[in-house]
Amino acid sequence: MTDNVQQTAEAGRAFKSAVTVALTGASGAQYGLRLIECLVAAGHEVMVMVSKAAHMVIATETDEELPARPVRLAEVLSERYGAKSGQIRCFGREDWMAPVASGSGAPSAMVVCPCSTGSLSSIACGASNNLIERAADVALKERRTLILVPRETPFSAIHLEHMLALTRMGAVILPAAPGFYHRPQSIDDMIDFIVARILNQLGIAHTLMPRWGEGHVGRD
C-alpha cells in the first residue's frame, strides 16, 4: 500500500461515515453551513462542494466571503467548525478525480443544501455538467441517500415535475420551509429546524430540537 493510499485509509477510519454536502446558488446558505458544522460535531467526515453561484449567495447572505480554492476553503471551514485534520475535504467543480465522482468512492449519503432550481433540473435530467451534478447522479444510480433542499417560492410546474421525478428515483425532497410549532425565538432556531430534519433523514442523532411528542404526558 502506497503512503498516500495508506494515509487516506487511516483518515477514513478516524471518522464516522462520510457525507457529501453541496451548496448551490439558492438562498439559504446558512442551512448548508450549519449542516456542515453539525456533521463535524457528530464526528463525520464531510466532503464539501460549493458552486460559483453559492459563493455569491454566501457573500450576500452572511458577513463573510469563503475562498474559492478548495484547499483554502477546507482550511477555513475546518478552523471555523473545529474539524480534525482531514475531516473536511473540499472539491472544485471539475475535479473529476474526486471520490464523489464515482460509485466506488462516493459516500453513502449526499445533501444538496440549498438546492437551486437550476441544480434540481440538472440532477433530474442527469446532466452531470459539473462535479455537484455528477455526485448527485452517482447517488441516484447507486441507490444511495440523496437529499435535496430547495428554497424557492412559488414553485412552477417545471420545478414540481422535477421534484416528482426525483422522488420517484429515490431522492428525498426536503424544502427549506421551517415550521413554527416549536416557537422559534431566533433565525438560528429556524435554521436548526431544517437542519434537524436533514439529520433525521440521515439517521444522525442530534439535540437541535426535540422530536414531536417528546416529553408529552398523555391525558387520562
N, C-alpha and C. Protein backbone atom coordinates (compact mmCIF):
# COMPACT_ATOMS: atom_id res chain seq x y z
N MET A 1 0.85 -1.19 0.00
CA MET A 1 0.00 0.00 0.00
C MET A 1 0.89 1.25 0.00
N THR A 2 0.64 2.17 -0.94
CA THR A 2 1.44 3.38 -1.00
C THR A 2 1.13 4.27 0.19
N ASP A 3 2.04 5.25 0.45
CA ASP A 3 1.86 6.14 1.59
C ASP A 3 0.56 6.93 1.47
N ASN A 4 0.27 7.44 0.24
CA ASN A 4 -0.94 8.25 0.06
C ASN A 4 -2.20 7.43 0.31
N VAL A 5 -2.23 6.23 -0.22
CA VAL A 5 -3.40 5.37 -0.03
C VAL A 5 -3.56 5.01 1.44
N GLN A 6 -2.44 4.71 2.09
CA GLN A 6 -2.48 4.35 3.50
C GLN A 6 -2.98 5.51 4.35
N GLN A 7 -2.50 6.73 4.04
CA GLN A 7 -2.92 7.90 4.79
C GLN A 7 -4.41 8.15 4.61
N THR A 8 -4.90 7.97 3.38
CA THR A 8 -6.32 8.16 3.11
C THR A 8 -7.16 7.14 3.87
N ALA A 9 -6.72 5.89 3.88
CA ALA A 9 -7.45 4.85 4.59
C ALA A 9 -7.47 5.11 6.09
N GLU A 10 -6.33 5.53 6.63
CA GLU A 10 -6.26 5.81 8.06
C GLU A 10 -7.14 6.99 8.43
N ALA A 11 -7.18 8.02 7.56
CA ALA A 11 -8.02 9.19 7.81
C ALA A 11 -9.48 8.79 7.83
N GLY A 12 -9.87 7.91 6.88
CA GLY A 12 -11.26 7.47 6.81
C GLY A 12 -11.69 6.73 8.05
N ARG A 13 -10.78 5.91 8.63
CA ARG A 13 -11.10 5.15 9.83
C ARG A 13 -11.22 6.04 11.06
N ALA A 14 -10.67 7.26 10.98
CA ALA A 14 -10.68 8.15 12.14
C ALA A 14 -12.04 8.82 12.34
N PHE A 15 -12.89 8.79 11.32
CA PHE A 15 -14.18 9.47 11.39
C PHE A 15 -15.34 8.50 11.15
N LYS A 16 -16.53 8.95 11.48
CA LYS A 16 -17.73 8.21 11.15
C LYS A 16 -17.97 8.32 9.65
N SER A 17 -19.00 7.68 9.15
CA SER A 17 -19.28 7.65 7.72
C SER A 17 -19.27 9.04 7.09
N ALA A 18 -18.77 9.10 5.86
CA ALA A 18 -18.68 10.38 5.17
C ALA A 18 -20.03 10.79 4.60
N VAL A 19 -20.26 12.10 4.56
CA VAL A 19 -21.46 12.68 3.97
C VAL A 19 -21.02 13.79 3.01
N THR A 20 -21.56 13.76 1.80
CA THR A 20 -21.29 14.83 0.85
C THR A 20 -22.28 15.96 1.06
N VAL A 21 -21.79 17.18 1.15
CA VAL A 21 -22.66 18.36 1.28
C VAL A 21 -22.31 19.33 0.16
N ALA A 22 -23.30 19.65 -0.67
CA ALA A 22 -23.10 20.59 -1.76
C ALA A 22 -23.98 21.81 -1.55
N LEU A 23 -23.39 22.99 -1.70
CA LEU A 23 -24.14 24.24 -1.61
C LEU A 23 -24.24 24.83 -3.01
N THR A 24 -25.46 25.10 -3.46
CA THR A 24 -25.65 25.70 -4.79
C THR A 24 -26.28 27.08 -4.63
N GLY A 25 -26.64 27.69 -5.74
CA GLY A 25 -26.95 29.11 -5.75
C GLY A 25 -28.32 29.56 -5.31
N ALA A 26 -29.03 28.79 -4.50
CA ALA A 26 -30.30 29.24 -3.95
C ALA A 26 -30.05 30.01 -2.66
N SER A 27 -31.03 30.80 -2.25
CA SER A 27 -30.95 31.45 -0.95
C SER A 27 -30.99 30.37 0.14
N GLY A 28 -30.37 30.65 1.28
CA GLY A 28 -30.38 29.68 2.36
C GLY A 28 -29.03 29.02 2.59
N ALA A 29 -27.96 29.74 2.29
CA ALA A 29 -26.62 29.20 2.52
C ALA A 29 -26.42 28.83 3.98
N GLN A 30 -27.13 29.53 4.87
CA GLN A 30 -26.98 29.25 6.30
C GLN A 30 -27.36 27.82 6.64
N TYR A 31 -28.32 27.25 5.94
CA TYR A 31 -28.70 25.85 6.19
C TYR A 31 -27.53 24.91 5.91
N GLY A 32 -26.90 25.10 4.76
CA GLY A 32 -25.80 24.22 4.39
C GLY A 32 -24.61 24.36 5.31
N LEU A 33 -24.27 25.59 5.69
CA LEU A 33 -23.13 25.82 6.57
C LEU A 33 -23.39 25.23 7.95
N ARG A 34 -24.61 25.39 8.44
CA ARG A 34 -24.95 24.82 9.74
C ARG A 34 -24.93 23.29 9.70
N LEU A 35 -25.35 22.72 8.58
CA LEU A 35 -25.31 21.27 8.42
C LEU A 35 -23.88 20.77 8.50
N ILE A 36 -22.97 21.44 7.81
CA ILE A 36 -21.56 21.05 7.87
C ILE A 36 -21.07 21.10 9.31
N GLU A 37 -21.40 22.16 10.02
CA GLU A 37 -21.00 22.30 11.42
C GLU A 37 -21.50 21.13 12.27
N CYS A 38 -22.76 20.76 12.07
CA CYS A 38 -23.35 19.68 12.87
C CYS A 38 -22.74 18.33 12.53
N LEU A 39 -22.45 18.09 11.26
CA LEU A 39 -21.84 16.84 10.85
C LEU A 39 -20.43 16.70 11.43
N VAL A 40 -19.70 17.80 11.42
CA VAL A 40 -18.35 17.79 12.01
C VAL A 40 -18.44 17.50 13.50
N ALA A 41 -19.36 18.17 14.18
CA ALA A 41 -19.51 17.96 15.63
C ALA A 41 -19.90 16.53 15.96
N ALA A 42 -20.63 15.88 15.04
CA ALA A 42 -21.05 14.49 15.25
C ALA A 42 -19.96 13.49 14.89
N GLY A 43 -18.82 13.98 14.38
CA GLY A 43 -17.69 13.11 14.10
C GLY A 43 -17.65 12.52 12.71
N HIS A 44 -18.45 13.07 11.78
CA HIS A 44 -18.48 12.53 10.43
C HIS A 44 -17.46 13.24 9.53
N GLU A 45 -16.97 12.50 8.57
CA GLU A 45 -16.17 13.12 7.51
C GLU A 45 -17.13 13.84 6.58
N VAL A 46 -16.76 15.02 6.11
CA VAL A 46 -17.65 15.81 5.27
C VAL A 46 -16.92 16.19 3.99
N MET A 47 -17.52 15.83 2.85
CA MET A 47 -16.97 16.19 1.55
C MET A 47 -17.81 17.35 1.01
N VAL A 48 -17.17 18.49 0.82
CA VAL A 48 -17.90 19.73 0.53
C VAL A 48 -17.64 20.22 -0.89
N MET A 49 -18.72 20.67 -1.53
CA MET A 49 -18.63 21.33 -2.82
C MET A 49 -19.48 22.58 -2.78
N VAL A 50 -18.93 23.69 -3.26
CA VAL A 50 -19.65 24.96 -3.26
C VAL A 50 -19.62 25.53 -4.68
N SER A 51 -20.79 25.73 -5.26
CA SER A 51 -20.84 26.24 -6.64
C SER A 51 -20.44 27.71 -6.68
N LYS A 52 -20.15 28.20 -7.87
CA LYS A 52 -19.78 29.61 -8.04
C LYS A 52 -20.91 30.51 -7.59
N ALA A 53 -22.14 30.15 -7.95
CA ALA A 53 -23.30 30.96 -7.54
C ALA A 53 -23.47 30.93 -6.02
N ALA A 54 -23.17 29.80 -5.40
CA ALA A 54 -23.29 29.69 -3.94
C ALA A 54 -22.32 30.63 -3.24
N HIS A 55 -21.12 30.77 -3.80
CA HIS A 55 -20.16 31.70 -3.22
C HIS A 55 -20.74 33.11 -3.21
N MET A 56 -21.43 33.49 -4.28
CA MET A 56 -22.04 34.82 -4.36
C MET A 56 -23.16 34.96 -3.33
N VAL A 57 -23.97 33.91 -3.18
CA VAL A 57 -25.06 33.95 -2.21
C VAL A 57 -24.53 34.06 -0.79
N ILE A 58 -23.48 33.29 -0.48
CA ILE A 58 -22.89 33.33 0.86
C ILE A 58 -22.37 34.73 1.18
N ALA A 59 -21.73 35.37 0.20
CA ALA A 59 -21.23 36.72 0.41
C ALA A 59 -22.36 37.71 0.61
N THR A 60 -23.52 37.42 0.00
CA THR A 60 -24.68 38.31 0.12
C THR A 60 -25.44 38.10 1.43
N GLU A 61 -25.58 36.83 1.83
CA GLU A 61 -26.43 36.50 2.98
C GLU A 61 -25.68 36.46 4.31
N THR A 62 -24.37 36.44 4.26
CA THR A 62 -23.59 36.38 5.51
C THR A 62 -22.56 37.52 5.51
N ASP A 63 -21.85 37.62 6.60
CA ASP A 63 -20.85 38.69 6.74
C ASP A 63 -19.47 38.24 6.28
N GLU A 64 -19.40 37.11 5.62
CA GLU A 64 -18.10 36.62 5.22
C GLU A 64 -18.10 36.14 3.77
N GLU A 65 -16.92 36.00 3.25
CA GLU A 65 -16.74 35.54 1.88
C GLU A 65 -15.79 34.35 1.90
N LEU A 66 -16.31 33.18 1.53
CA LEU A 66 -15.49 31.98 1.58
C LEU A 66 -14.54 31.93 0.39
N PRO A 67 -13.34 31.41 0.59
CA PRO A 67 -12.38 31.31 -0.52
C PRO A 67 -12.86 30.31 -1.57
N ALA A 68 -12.51 30.56 -2.82
CA ALA A 68 -12.95 29.70 -3.91
C ALA A 68 -12.06 28.45 -4.06
N ARG A 69 -10.78 28.58 -3.72
CA ARG A 69 -9.86 27.45 -3.87
C ARG A 69 -10.21 26.35 -2.86
N PRO A 70 -10.41 25.11 -3.32
CA PRO A 70 -10.84 24.02 -2.44
C PRO A 70 -9.94 23.81 -1.22
N VAL A 71 -8.63 23.85 -1.42
CA VAL A 71 -7.71 23.61 -0.30
C VAL A 71 -7.87 24.68 0.77
N ARG A 72 -7.94 25.93 0.33
CA ARG A 72 -8.10 27.03 1.28
C ARG A 72 -9.48 27.00 1.93
N LEU A 73 -10.49 26.62 1.16
CA LEU A 73 -11.84 26.52 1.69
C LEU A 73 -11.90 25.48 2.80
N ALA A 74 -11.25 24.35 2.60
CA ALA A 74 -11.22 23.30 3.62
C ALA A 74 -10.54 23.80 4.88
N GLU A 75 -9.49 24.58 4.72
CA GLU A 75 -8.78 25.13 5.89
C GLU A 75 -9.68 26.08 6.67
N VAL A 76 -10.38 26.95 5.95
CA VAL A 76 -11.25 27.93 6.61
C VAL A 76 -12.41 27.25 7.33
N LEU A 77 -13.06 26.31 6.67
CA LEU A 77 -14.19 25.61 7.29
C LEU A 77 -13.72 24.76 8.48
N SER A 78 -12.57 24.13 8.34
CA SER A 78 -12.04 23.31 9.43
C SER A 78 -11.75 24.15 10.66
N GLU A 79 -11.16 25.31 10.44
CA GLU A 79 -10.84 26.19 11.56
C GLU A 79 -12.12 26.72 12.22
N ARG A 80 -13.10 27.07 11.40
CA ARG A 80 -14.34 27.64 11.91
C ARG A 80 -15.12 26.63 12.75
N TYR A 81 -15.18 25.38 12.29
CA TYR A 81 -16.01 24.38 12.96
C TYR A 81 -15.23 23.42 13.85
N GLY A 82 -13.94 23.68 14.03
CA GLY A 82 -13.14 22.85 14.91
C GLY A 82 -12.97 21.44 14.40
N ALA A 83 -12.87 21.28 13.08
CA ALA A 83 -12.72 19.95 12.49
C ALA A 83 -11.31 19.42 12.69
N LYS A 84 -11.20 18.11 12.76
CA LYS A 84 -9.90 17.48 12.84
C LYS A 84 -9.24 17.49 11.47
N SER A 85 -7.96 17.24 11.46
CA SER A 85 -7.23 17.22 10.20
C SER A 85 -7.83 16.19 9.24
N GLY A 86 -8.18 16.62 8.04
CA GLY A 86 -8.73 15.72 7.03
C GLY A 86 -10.21 15.44 7.17
N GLN A 87 -10.86 16.01 8.19
CA GLN A 87 -12.28 15.71 8.39
C GLN A 87 -13.15 16.41 7.35
N ILE A 88 -12.77 17.61 6.92
CA ILE A 88 -13.48 18.32 5.86
C ILE A 88 -12.61 18.30 4.61
N ARG A 89 -13.17 17.80 3.52
CA ARG A 89 -12.46 17.79 2.23
C ARG A 89 -13.31 18.53 1.21
N CYS A 90 -12.71 19.46 0.49
CA CYS A 90 -13.44 20.27 -0.48
C CYS A 90 -12.95 19.98 -1.89
N PHE A 91 -13.87 20.06 -2.85
CA PHE A 91 -13.54 19.74 -4.23
C PHE A 91 -14.09 20.82 -5.17
N GLY A 92 -13.36 21.06 -6.26
CA GLY A 92 -13.76 22.04 -7.26
C GLY A 92 -14.80 21.48 -8.22
N ARG A 93 -15.38 22.36 -9.02
CA ARG A 93 -16.50 21.98 -9.88
C ARG A 93 -16.11 21.00 -10.98
N GLU A 94 -14.82 20.91 -11.33
CA GLU A 94 -14.40 19.99 -12.38
C GLU A 94 -13.32 19.03 -11.89
N ASP A 95 -13.37 18.72 -10.62
CA ASP A 95 -12.40 17.79 -10.05
C ASP A 95 -12.94 16.37 -10.23
N TRP A 96 -12.82 15.86 -11.45
CA TRP A 96 -13.43 14.57 -11.80
C TRP A 96 -12.75 13.38 -11.14
N MET A 97 -11.60 13.59 -10.51
CA MET A 97 -10.93 12.51 -9.81
C MET A 97 -11.34 12.43 -8.34
N ALA A 98 -12.23 13.32 -7.92
CA ALA A 98 -12.71 13.31 -6.53
C ALA A 98 -13.50 12.04 -6.25
N PRO A 99 -13.47 11.52 -5.03
CA PRO A 99 -14.20 10.29 -4.70
C PRO A 99 -15.68 10.36 -5.05
N VAL A 100 -16.28 11.54 -4.90
CA VAL A 100 -17.73 11.67 -5.12
C VAL A 100 -18.14 11.47 -6.57
N ALA A 101 -17.17 11.45 -7.48
CA ALA A 101 -17.47 11.34 -8.90
C ALA A 101 -17.69 9.90 -9.34
N SER A 102 -17.47 8.94 -8.44
CA SER A 102 -17.60 7.54 -8.82
C SER A 102 -18.31 6.74 -7.75
N GLY A 103 -19.08 5.77 -8.18
CA GLY A 103 -19.78 4.91 -7.24
C GLY A 103 -18.85 4.12 -6.35
N SER A 104 -17.62 3.93 -6.78
CA SER A 104 -16.68 3.14 -5.97
C SER A 104 -16.07 3.95 -4.84
N GLY A 105 -16.23 5.28 -4.89
CA GLY A 105 -15.60 6.11 -3.86
C GLY A 105 -16.53 7.06 -3.14
N ALA A 106 -17.72 7.26 -3.68
CA ALA A 106 -18.64 8.24 -3.10
C ALA A 106 -19.22 7.78 -1.77
N PRO A 107 -19.51 8.72 -0.87
CA PRO A 107 -20.15 8.37 0.41
C PRO A 107 -21.54 7.79 0.19
N SER A 108 -22.13 7.24 1.24
CA SER A 108 -23.45 6.63 1.13
C SER A 108 -24.56 7.65 1.20
N ALA A 109 -24.24 8.92 1.45
CA ALA A 109 -25.28 9.95 1.54
C ALA A 109 -24.76 11.27 0.98
N MET A 110 -25.67 12.00 0.33
CA MET A 110 -25.35 13.33 -0.20
C MET A 110 -26.52 14.26 0.06
N VAL A 111 -26.19 15.50 0.43
CA VAL A 111 -27.20 16.53 0.66
C VAL A 111 -26.84 17.75 -0.17
N VAL A 112 -27.78 18.23 -0.98
CA VAL A 112 -27.60 19.48 -1.71
C VAL A 112 -28.41 20.52 -0.96
N CYS A 113 -27.73 21.42 -0.26
CA CYS A 113 -28.39 22.31 0.68
C CYS A 113 -27.68 23.66 0.74
N PRO A 114 -28.27 24.72 0.19
CA PRO A 114 -29.56 24.72 -0.51
C PRO A 114 -29.39 24.21 -1.93
N CYS A 115 -30.52 23.82 -2.52
CA CYS A 115 -30.52 23.30 -3.88
C CYS A 115 -31.27 24.27 -4.77
N SER A 116 -30.57 24.91 -5.70
CA SER A 116 -31.23 25.82 -6.63
C SER A 116 -32.12 25.04 -7.59
N THR A 117 -33.09 25.72 -8.17
CA THR A 117 -33.97 25.04 -9.13
C THR A 117 -33.20 24.66 -10.39
N GLY A 118 -32.13 25.40 -10.68
CA GLY A 118 -31.29 25.02 -11.81
C GLY A 118 -30.57 23.70 -11.54
N SER A 119 -30.03 23.55 -10.33
CA SER A 119 -29.38 22.29 -9.95
C SER A 119 -30.40 21.17 -9.91
N LEU A 120 -31.58 21.46 -9.39
CA LEU A 120 -32.66 20.47 -9.34
C LEU A 120 -32.95 19.93 -10.73
N SER A 121 -33.06 20.84 -11.69
CA SER A 121 -33.33 20.46 -13.08
C SER A 121 -32.22 19.59 -13.65
N SER A 122 -30.98 20.02 -13.45
CA SER A 122 -29.83 19.27 -14.00
C SER A 122 -29.72 17.88 -13.39
N ILE A 123 -29.98 17.78 -12.09
CA ILE A 123 -29.91 16.48 -11.42
C ILE A 123 -31.02 15.57 -11.92
N ALA A 124 -32.21 16.13 -12.09
CA ALA A 124 -33.35 15.33 -12.56
C ALA A 124 -33.10 14.81 -13.97
N CYS A 125 -32.38 15.58 -14.77
CA CYS A 125 -32.12 15.19 -16.16
C CYS A 125 -30.81 14.42 -16.33
N GLY A 126 -30.03 14.29 -15.25
CA GLY A 126 -28.76 13.56 -15.34
C GLY A 126 -27.71 14.28 -16.15
N ALA A 127 -27.72 15.62 -16.13
CA ALA A 127 -26.81 16.40 -16.98
C ALA A 127 -25.34 16.18 -16.64
N SER A 128 -25.02 16.16 -15.35
CA SER A 128 -23.63 15.94 -14.89
C SER A 128 -22.65 16.92 -15.54
N ASN A 129 -23.03 18.19 -15.59
CA ASN A 129 -22.16 19.20 -16.19
C ASN A 129 -21.05 19.66 -15.26
N ASN A 130 -21.18 19.38 -13.97
CA ASN A 130 -20.14 19.74 -13.01
C ASN A 130 -20.11 18.65 -11.93
N LEU A 131 -19.19 18.79 -10.99
CA LEU A 131 -18.99 17.73 -10.01
C LEU A 131 -20.19 17.56 -9.08
N ILE A 132 -20.88 18.65 -8.75
CA ILE A 132 -22.06 18.54 -7.89
C ILE A 132 -23.13 17.70 -8.58
N GLU A 133 -23.39 18.00 -9.85
CA GLU A 133 -24.40 17.25 -10.59
C GLU A 133 -23.98 15.80 -10.77
N ARG A 134 -22.70 15.57 -11.03
CA ARG A 134 -22.20 14.20 -11.20
C ARG A 134 -22.32 13.41 -9.89
N ALA A 135 -21.97 14.05 -8.77
CA ALA A 135 -22.06 13.38 -7.48
C ALA A 135 -23.50 12.99 -7.16
N ALA A 136 -24.44 13.86 -7.49
CA ALA A 136 -25.86 13.55 -7.28
C ALA A 136 -26.29 12.41 -8.20
N ASP A 137 -25.80 12.42 -9.43
CA ASP A 137 -26.11 11.36 -10.38
C ASP A 137 -25.59 10.02 -9.87
N VAL A 138 -24.39 10.04 -9.28
CA VAL A 138 -23.82 8.83 -8.70
C VAL A 138 -24.71 8.32 -7.55
N ALA A 139 -25.15 9.24 -6.70
CA ALA A 139 -26.00 8.84 -5.58
C ALA A 139 -27.28 8.17 -6.07
N LEU A 140 -27.86 8.69 -7.14
CA LEU A 140 -29.08 8.11 -7.69
C LEU A 140 -28.82 6.74 -8.31
N LYS A 141 -27.77 6.64 -9.11
CA LYS A 141 -27.54 5.37 -9.82
C LYS A 141 -27.10 4.27 -8.87
N GLU A 142 -26.47 4.66 -7.75
CA GLU A 142 -26.01 3.68 -6.78
C GLU A 142 -27.05 3.41 -5.70
N ARG A 143 -28.25 4.04 -5.85
CA ARG A 143 -29.34 3.88 -4.88
C ARG A 143 -28.90 4.28 -3.46
N ARG A 144 -28.20 5.41 -3.39
CA ARG A 144 -27.77 5.93 -2.10
C ARG A 144 -28.66 7.10 -1.68
N THR A 145 -28.53 7.51 -0.45
CA THR A 145 -29.36 8.59 0.06
C THR A 145 -28.99 9.91 -0.61
N LEU A 146 -30.00 10.55 -1.21
CA LEU A 146 -29.81 11.86 -1.82
C LEU A 146 -30.91 12.78 -1.31
N ILE A 147 -30.52 13.84 -0.61
CA ILE A 147 -31.47 14.79 -0.05
C ILE A 147 -31.27 16.14 -0.73
N LEU A 148 -32.35 16.68 -1.28
CA LEU A 148 -32.30 17.97 -1.97
C LEU A 148 -33.14 18.97 -1.19
N VAL A 149 -32.56 20.13 -0.90
CA VAL A 149 -33.22 21.14 -0.07
C VAL A 149 -33.46 22.40 -0.90
N PRO A 150 -34.56 22.42 -1.68
CA PRO A 150 -34.85 23.60 -2.49
C PRO A 150 -35.37 24.76 -1.65
N ARG A 151 -35.05 25.99 -2.06
CA ARG A 151 -35.56 27.17 -1.39
C ARG A 151 -36.03 28.13 -2.49
N GLU A 152 -37.26 27.97 -2.88
CA GLU A 152 -37.84 28.79 -3.95
C GLU A 152 -39.32 28.93 -3.68
N THR A 153 -39.90 30.04 -4.07
CA THR A 153 -41.34 30.19 -3.93
C THR A 153 -41.84 31.29 -4.86
N PRO A 154 -42.96 31.07 -5.55
CA PRO A 154 -43.68 29.80 -5.63
C PRO A 154 -42.97 28.84 -6.58
N PHE A 155 -43.35 27.57 -6.50
CA PHE A 155 -42.81 26.58 -7.41
C PHE A 155 -43.61 26.58 -8.70
N SER A 156 -42.92 26.50 -9.82
CA SER A 156 -43.60 26.38 -11.12
C SER A 156 -43.88 24.91 -11.39
N ALA A 157 -44.65 24.65 -12.43
CA ALA A 157 -44.93 23.26 -12.82
C ALA A 157 -43.63 22.53 -13.17
N ILE A 158 -42.68 23.25 -13.75
CA ILE A 158 -41.39 22.64 -14.09
C ILE A 158 -40.68 22.17 -12.83
N HIS A 159 -40.65 23.03 -11.81
CA HIS A 159 -39.99 22.66 -10.55
C HIS A 159 -40.66 21.43 -9.93
N LEU A 160 -41.99 21.46 -9.90
CA LEU A 160 -42.74 20.37 -9.27
C LEU A 160 -42.56 19.06 -10.03
N GLU A 161 -42.52 19.14 -11.35
CA GLU A 161 -42.32 17.92 -12.15
C GLU A 161 -40.93 17.33 -11.89
N HIS A 162 -39.94 18.19 -11.76
CA HIS A 162 -38.59 17.70 -11.46
C HIS A 162 -38.54 17.07 -10.07
N MET A 163 -39.22 17.68 -9.12
CA MET A 163 -39.26 17.11 -7.76
C MET A 163 -39.94 15.75 -7.75
N LEU A 164 -41.03 15.66 -8.48
CA LEU A 164 -41.75 14.38 -8.55
C LEU A 164 -40.87 13.31 -9.20
N ALA A 165 -40.21 13.70 -10.29
CA ALA A 165 -39.33 12.75 -10.98
C ALA A 165 -38.22 12.26 -10.05
N LEU A 166 -37.62 13.19 -9.31
CA LEU A 166 -36.53 12.82 -8.41
C LEU A 166 -37.02 11.97 -7.24
N THR A 167 -38.21 12.28 -6.75
CA THR A 167 -38.79 11.47 -5.67
C THR A 167 -38.99 10.04 -6.15
N ARG A 168 -39.48 9.88 -7.38
CA ARG A 168 -39.68 8.55 -7.93
C ARG A 168 -38.36 7.82 -8.14
N MET A 169 -37.26 8.58 -8.32
CA MET A 169 -35.94 7.97 -8.45
C MET A 169 -35.34 7.57 -7.11
N GLY A 170 -35.98 8.02 -6.02
CA GLY A 170 -35.49 7.66 -4.69
C GLY A 170 -34.91 8.79 -3.88
N ALA A 171 -34.84 10.00 -4.47
CA ALA A 171 -34.32 11.15 -3.74
C ALA A 171 -35.35 11.65 -2.73
N VAL A 172 -34.90 12.37 -1.74
CA VAL A 172 -35.77 13.00 -0.75
C VAL A 172 -35.80 14.50 -1.03
N ILE A 173 -36.98 15.04 -1.25
CA ILE A 173 -37.15 16.48 -1.45
C ILE A 173 -37.54 17.07 -0.11
N LEU A 174 -36.67 17.91 0.44
CA LEU A 174 -36.89 18.47 1.77
C LEU A 174 -36.81 19.99 1.67
N PRO A 175 -37.92 20.65 1.33
CA PRO A 175 -37.90 22.10 1.14
C PRO A 175 -37.47 22.85 2.40
N ALA A 176 -36.79 23.95 2.22
CA ALA A 176 -36.39 24.79 3.35
C ALA A 176 -37.58 25.62 3.80
N ALA A 177 -38.52 24.95 4.45
CA ALA A 177 -39.76 25.58 4.91
C ALA A 177 -39.92 25.28 6.39
N PRO A 178 -39.27 26.06 7.26
CA PRO A 178 -39.31 25.76 8.69
C PRO A 178 -40.71 25.91 9.29
N GLY A 179 -41.00 25.06 10.27
CA GLY A 179 -42.27 25.15 10.99
C GLY A 179 -42.14 26.13 12.14
N PHE A 180 -43.26 26.35 12.82
CA PHE A 180 -43.27 27.31 13.92
C PHE A 180 -43.86 26.74 15.20
N TYR A 181 -44.23 25.45 15.18
CA TYR A 181 -44.84 24.89 16.38
C TYR A 181 -43.86 24.78 17.54
N HIS A 182 -42.55 24.85 17.26
CA HIS A 182 -41.57 24.83 18.34
C HIS A 182 -41.28 26.24 18.85
N ARG A 183 -42.02 27.23 18.33
CA ARG A 183 -41.92 28.62 18.77
C ARG A 183 -40.49 29.15 18.69
N PRO A 184 -39.96 29.28 17.49
CA PRO A 184 -38.59 29.76 17.34
C PRO A 184 -38.42 31.17 17.90
N GLN A 185 -37.31 31.37 18.57
CA GLN A 185 -37.00 32.67 19.17
C GLN A 185 -35.97 33.45 18.37
N SER A 186 -35.41 32.82 17.35
CA SER A 186 -34.35 33.47 16.57
C SER A 186 -34.28 32.84 15.18
N ILE A 187 -33.53 33.48 14.31
CA ILE A 187 -33.29 32.92 12.98
C ILE A 187 -32.54 31.60 13.11
N ASP A 188 -31.63 31.52 14.07
CA ASP A 188 -30.89 30.27 14.29
C ASP A 188 -31.83 29.12 14.61
N ASP A 189 -32.89 29.38 15.37
CA ASP A 189 -33.86 28.33 15.68
C ASP A 189 -34.55 27.83 14.42
N MET A 190 -34.84 28.74 13.48
CA MET A 190 -35.50 28.35 12.23
C MET A 190 -34.55 27.56 11.34
N ILE A 191 -33.28 27.95 11.34
CA ILE A 191 -32.28 27.21 10.58
C ILE A 191 -32.14 25.79 11.14
N ASP A 192 -32.07 25.70 12.46
CA ASP A 192 -31.90 24.39 13.11
C ASP A 192 -33.09 23.47 12.85
N PHE A 193 -34.28 24.03 12.66
CA PHE A 193 -35.46 23.22 12.36
C PHE A 193 -35.22 22.39 11.10
N ILE A 194 -34.72 23.04 10.05
CA ILE A 194 -34.47 22.35 8.78
C ILE A 194 -33.28 21.41 8.89
N VAL A 195 -32.21 21.86 9.53
CA VAL A 195 -31.03 21.01 9.67
C VAL A 195 -31.36 19.77 10.48
N ALA A 196 -32.22 19.91 11.49
CA ALA A 196 -32.65 18.75 12.27
C ALA A 196 -33.38 17.74 11.40
N ARG A 197 -34.21 18.23 10.48
CA ARG A 197 -34.94 17.34 9.57
C ARG A 197 -33.97 16.60 8.65
N ILE A 198 -32.93 17.29 8.21
CA ILE A 198 -31.93 16.65 7.35
C ILE A 198 -31.20 15.56 8.13
N LEU A 199 -30.78 15.88 9.34
CA LEU A 199 -30.07 14.90 10.16
C LEU A 199 -30.96 13.69 10.46
N ASN A 200 -32.26 13.93 10.64
CA ASN A 200 -33.19 12.81 10.84
C ASN A 200 -33.19 11.88 9.64
N GLN A 201 -33.21 12.46 8.45
CA GLN A 201 -33.20 11.66 7.23
C GLN A 201 -31.90 10.87 7.08
N LEU A 202 -30.81 11.44 7.58
CA LEU A 202 -29.51 10.77 7.51
C LEU A 202 -29.34 9.74 8.63
N GLY A 203 -30.27 9.72 9.59
CA GLY A 203 -30.15 8.80 10.71
C GLY A 203 -29.07 9.20 11.69
N ILE A 204 -28.80 10.50 11.78
CA ILE A 204 -27.75 11.01 12.67
C ILE A 204 -28.40 11.66 13.90
N ALA A 205 -28.02 11.21 15.07
CA ALA A 205 -28.59 11.74 16.31
C ALA A 205 -28.18 13.21 16.50
N HIS A 206 -29.07 13.98 17.10
CA HIS A 206 -28.79 15.39 17.33
C HIS A 206 -29.63 15.89 18.50
N THR A 207 -29.31 17.11 18.95
CA THR A 207 -30.07 17.74 20.02
C THR A 207 -30.52 19.14 19.60
N LEU A 208 -30.66 19.35 18.30
CA LEU A 208 -31.04 20.67 17.80
C LEU A 208 -32.43 21.08 18.26
N MET A 209 -33.33 20.11 18.29
CA MET A 209 -34.68 20.37 18.76
C MET A 209 -35.34 19.05 19.11
N PRO A 210 -36.29 19.06 20.03
CA PRO A 210 -36.93 17.79 20.42
C PRO A 210 -37.80 17.24 19.30
N ARG A 211 -37.91 15.93 19.24
CA ARG A 211 -38.82 15.31 18.29
C ARG A 211 -40.25 15.50 18.77
N TRP A 212 -41.18 15.45 17.83
CA TRP A 212 -42.58 15.65 18.16
C TRP A 212 -43.03 14.62 19.21
N GLY A 213 -43.66 15.10 20.27
CA GLY A 213 -44.19 14.22 21.31
C GLY A 213 -43.24 13.93 22.44
N GLU A 214 -41.96 14.32 22.31
CA GLU A 214 -41.02 14.07 23.39
C GLU A 214 -41.42 14.89 24.61
N GLY A 215 -41.49 14.23 25.77
CA GLY A 215 -41.87 14.92 26.99
C GLY A 215 -43.37 15.04 27.17
N HIS A 216 -44.14 14.54 26.17
CA HIS A 216 -45.59 14.66 26.28
C HIS A 216 -46.15 13.63 27.29
N VAL A 217 -47.02 14.11 28.15
CA VAL A 217 -47.69 13.23 29.11
C VAL A 217 -49.11 13.03 28.66
N GLY A 218 -49.51 11.79 28.41
CA GLY A 218 -50.85 11.51 27.91
C GLY A 218 -51.93 11.89 28.90
N ARG A 219 -53.08 12.24 28.38
CA ARG A 219 -54.22 12.60 29.22
C ARG A 219 -54.96 11.34 29.67
N ASP A 220 -55.61 11.45 30.81
CA ASP A 220 -56.41 10.35 31.30
C ASP A 220 -57.67 10.20 30.45
